[in-house]
Amino acid sequence: MVVHELTETEIDRIFQALADATRRDIVSRVLDAGRSVTALAEQYDMSFAAVQKHVQVLERALLVTKERRGREQLVHSRIDTIGRAATLLQAYEEIWAQRALRIDDILAEDP
């Protein structure tokens, strides 16, 4: 199924990336402004390398990008991908809302 220009593989990568609490937190931290990987690593009780791996997963899912500035790597959110994922979830929500309405109609019918 291709929804809003996302392939099944892209959808899988996005939601697998967002299944982890640390990765969701990283995305939320970089939504308003880019943060260096070093600054992000200071926020977690894990190694710099572990945070770097989380960022790589997010980057493969196109949820963030990295930009090199001197010695630092700045992580920025990809609002376009986040928006497409949100649109996909809204489409699923609409499907379930329509199903719930149909169930209400069935239950309201006289036997």
C-alpha atoms as a PDB file:
ATOM      1  CA  MET A   1       0.000   0.000   0.000  1.00  0.00           C
ATOM      2  CA  VAL A   2       1.387   3.421  -0.929  1.00  0.00           C
ATOM      3  CA  VAL A   3      -0.119   6.227   1.102  1.00  0.00           C
ATOM      4  CA  HIS A   4       0.838   9.855   0.646  1.00  0.00           C
ATOM      5  CA  GLU A   5       3.962   9.042  -1.322  1.00  0.00           C
ATOM      6  CA  LEU A   6       5.274   6.598   1.297  1.00  0.00           C
ATOM      7  CA  THR A   7       6.173   3.073   0.284  1.00  0.00           C
ATOM      8  CA  GLU A   8       5.606   0.123   2.586  1.00  0.00           C
ATOM      9  CA  THR A   9       9.363   0.030   3.255  1.00  0.00           C
ATOM     10  CA  GLU A  10       9.411   3.715   4.216  1.00  0.00           C
ATOM     11  CA  ILE A  11       6.397   3.263   6.477  1.00  0.00           C
ATOM     12  CA  ASP A  12       8.067   0.291   8.162  1.00  0.00           C
ATOM     13  CA  ARG A  13      11.305   2.244   8.708  1.00  0.00           C
ATOM     14  CA  ILE A  14       9.484   5.246  10.150  1.00  0.00           C
ATOM     15  CA  PHE A  15       7.416   3.313  12.642  1.00  0.00           C
ATOM     16  CA  GLN A  16      10.234   0.938  13.582  1.00  0.00           C
ATOM     17  CA  ALA A  17      12.390   3.991  14.279  1.00  0.00           C
ATOM     18  CA  LEU A  18       9.645   5.615  16.341  1.00  0.00           C
ATOM     19  CA  ALA A  19       8.992   2.412  18.304  1.00  0.00           C
ATOM     20  CA  ASP A  20      11.952   3.263  20.541  1.00  0.00           C
ATOM     21  CA  ALA A  21      11.452   5.855  23.320  1.00  0.00           C
ATOM     22  CA  THR A  22      14.967   7.292  22.973  1.00  0.00           C
ATOM     23  CA  ARG A  23      14.516   7.850  19.251  1.00  0.00           C
ATOM     24  CA  ARG A  24      11.127   9.495  19.791  1.00  0.00           C
ATOM     25  CA  ASP A  25      12.765  11.764  22.355  1.00  0.00           C
ATOM     26  CA  ILE A  26      15.584  12.651  19.961  1.00  0.00           C
ATOM     27  CA  VAL A  27      13.051  13.611  17.290  1.00  0.00           C
ATOM     28  CA  SER A  28      11.175  15.819  19.753  1.00  0.00           C
ATOM     29  CA  ARG A  29      14.414  17.490  20.906  1.00  0.00           C
ATOM     30  CA  VAL A  30      15.421  18.447  17.362  1.00  0.00           C
ATOM     31  CA  LEU A  31      11.976  19.591  16.187  1.00  0.00           C
ATOM     32  CA  ASP A  32      12.470  23.222  17.168  1.00  0.00           C
ATOM     33  CA  ALA A  33      16.192  23.531  16.422  1.00  0.00           C
ATOM     34  CA  GLY A  34      19.096  21.368  15.394  1.00  0.00           C
ATOM     35  CA  ARG A  35      21.201  19.817  18.131  1.00  0.00           C
ATOM     36  CA  SER A  36      24.665  18.365  17.929  1.00  0.00           C
ATOM     37  CA  VAL A  37      25.063  14.639  18.466  1.00  0.00           C
ATOM     38  CA  THR A  38      27.306  15.519  21.410  1.00  0.00           C
ATOM     39  CA  ALA A  39      24.581  17.674  23.008  1.00  0.00           C
ATOM     40  CA  LEU A  40      22.045  14.915  22.450  1.00  0.00           C
ATOM     41  CA  ALA A  41      24.352  12.307  23.980  1.00  0.00           C
ATOM     42  CA  GLU A  42      24.610  14.388  27.160  1.00  0.00           C
ATOM     43  CA  GLN A  43      20.853  13.931  27.677  1.00  0.00           C
ATOM     44  CA  TYR A  44      20.939  10.139  27.921  1.00  0.00           C
ATOM     45  CA  ASP A  45      22.466   7.558  30.197  1.00  0.00           C
ATOM     46  CA  MET A  46      24.209   5.785  27.328  1.00  0.00           C
ATOM     47  CA  SER A  47      27.373   6.111  25.327  1.00  0.00           C
ATOM     48  CA  PHE A  48      27.940   8.636  22.569  1.00  0.00           C
ATOM     49  CA  ALA A  49      28.189   5.712  20.130  1.00  0.00           C
ATOM     50  CA  ALA A  50      24.772   4.405  21.213  1.00  0.00           C
ATOM     51  CA  VAL A  51      23.181   7.824  20.635  1.00  0.00           C
ATOM     52  CA  GLN A  52      24.917   7.992  17.260  1.00  0.00           C
ATOM     53  CA  LYS A  53      23.348   4.644  16.338  1.00  0.00           C
ATOM     54  CA  HIS A  54      19.904   5.914  17.321  1.00  0.00           C
ATOM     55  CA  VAL A  55      20.452   8.971  15.125  1.00  0.00           C
ATOM     56  CA  GLN A  56      21.507   6.706  12.237  1.00  0.00           C
ATOM     57  CA  VAL A  57      18.266   4.734  12.538  1.00  0.00           C
ATOM     58  CA  LEU A  58      16.293   7.993  12.461  1.00  0.00           C
ATOM     59  CA  GLU A  59      18.327   9.178   9.494  1.00  0.00           C
ATOM     60  CA  ARG A  60      17.646   5.957   7.542  1.00  0.00           C
ATOM     61  CA  ALA A  61      13.943   6.462   8.266  1.00  0.00           C
ATOM     62  CA  LEU A  62      14.259  10.026   6.875  1.00  0.00           C
ATOM     63  CA  LEU A  63      13.047  11.482  10.186  1.00  0.00           C
ATOM     64  CA  VAL A  64      16.245  13.490  10.721  1.00  0.00           C
ATOM     65  CA  THR A  65      19.215  14.732   8.738  1.00  0.00           C
ATOM     66  CA  LYS A  66      22.759  15.399   9.871  1.00  0.00           C
ATOM     67  CA  GLU A  67      24.752  18.441   8.878  1.00  0.00           C
ATOM     68  CA  ARG A  68      28.450  18.750   9.531  1.00  0.00           C
ATOM     69  CA  ARG A  69      29.574  22.073  11.001  1.00  0.00           C
ATOM     70  CA  GLY A  70      33.249  21.966  11.742  1.00  0.00           C
ATOM     71  CA  ARG A  71      33.800  19.120  14.149  1.00  0.00           C
ATOM     72  CA  GLU A  72      30.152  18.862  15.148  1.00  0.00           C
ATOM     73  CA  GLN A  73      27.341  16.990  13.450  1.00  0.00           C
ATOM     74  CA  LEU A  74      24.039  18.820  13.853  1.00  0.00           C
ATOM     75  CA  VAL A  75      20.860  16.779  13.791  1.00  0.00           C
ATOM     76  CA  HIS A  76      17.752  18.399  12.287  1.00  0.00           C
ATOM     77  CA  SER A  77      14.226  17.023  12.036  1.00  0.00           C
ATOM     78  CA  ARG A  78      12.655  16.255   8.673  1.00  0.00           C
ATOM     79  CA  ILE A  79       9.262  17.888   9.075  1.00  0.00           C
ATOM     80  CA  ASP A  80       8.147  16.590   5.667  1.00  0.00           C
ATOM     81  CA  THR A  81       8.548  12.958   6.709  1.00  0.00           C
ATOM     82  CA  ILE A  82       6.978  13.575  10.109  1.00  0.00           C
ATOM     83  CA  GLY A  83       4.038  15.247   8.367  1.00  0.00           C
ATOM     84  CA  ARG A  84       3.560  12.346   5.964  1.00  0.00           C
ATOM     85  CA  ALA A  85       3.625   9.890   8.878  1.00  0.00           C
ATOM     86  CA  ALA A  86       1.028  12.012  10.691  1.00  0.00           C
ATOM     87  CA  THR A  87      -1.135  12.076   7.554  1.00  0.00           C
ATOM     88  CA  LEU A  88      -0.905   8.290   7.330  1.00  0.00           C
ATOM     89  CA  LEU A  89      -2.002   7.937  10.950  1.00  0.00           C
ATOM     90  CA  GLN A  90      -4.905  10.315  10.304  1.00  0.00           C
ATOM     91  CA  ALA A  91      -5.964   8.148   7.358  1.00  0.00           C
ATOM     92  CA  TYR A  92      -5.953   5.072   9.614  1.00  0.00           C
ATOM     93  CA  GLU A  93      -7.909   7.003  12.231  1.00  0.00           C
ATOM     94  CA  GLU A  94     -10.538   7.868   9.614  1.00  0.00           C
ATOM     95  CA  ILE A  95     -10.836   4.208   8.590  1.00  0.00           C
ATOM     96  CA  TRP A  96     -11.463   3.168  12.194  1.00  0.00           C
ATOM     97  CA  ALA A  97     -13.890   6.045  12.797  1.00  0.00           C
ATOM     98  CA  GLN A  98     -15.918   4.945   9.756  1.00  0.00           C
ATOM     99  CA  ARG A  99     -15.923   1.349  11.031  1.00  0.00           C
ATOM    100  CA  ALA A 100     -17.146   2.515  14.431  1.00  0.00           C
ATOM    101  CA  LEU A 101     -19.982   4.448  12.767  1.00  0.00           C
ATOM    102  CA  ARG A 102     -20.996   1.346  10.824  1.00  0.00           C
ATOM    103  CA  ILE A 103     -21.042  -0.692  14.036  1.00  0.00           C
ATOM    104  CA  ASP A 104     -23.243   1.998  15.632  1.00  0.00           C
ATOM    105  CA  ASP A 105     -25.611   1.771  12.657  1.00  0.00           C
ATOM    106  CA  ILE A 106     -25.794  -2.019  12.907  1.00  0.00           C
ATOM    107  CA  LEU A 107     -26.486  -1.873  16.641  1.00  0.00           C
ATOM    108  CA  ALA A 108     -29.157   0.769  16.123  1.00  0.00           C
ATOM    109  CA  GLU A 109     -31.097  -1.388  13.627  1.00  0.00           C
ATOM    110  CA  ASP A 110     -34.273  -3.010  14.864  1.00  0.00           C
ATOM    111  CA  PRO A 111     -33.978  -6.790  15.126  1.00  0.00           C
END
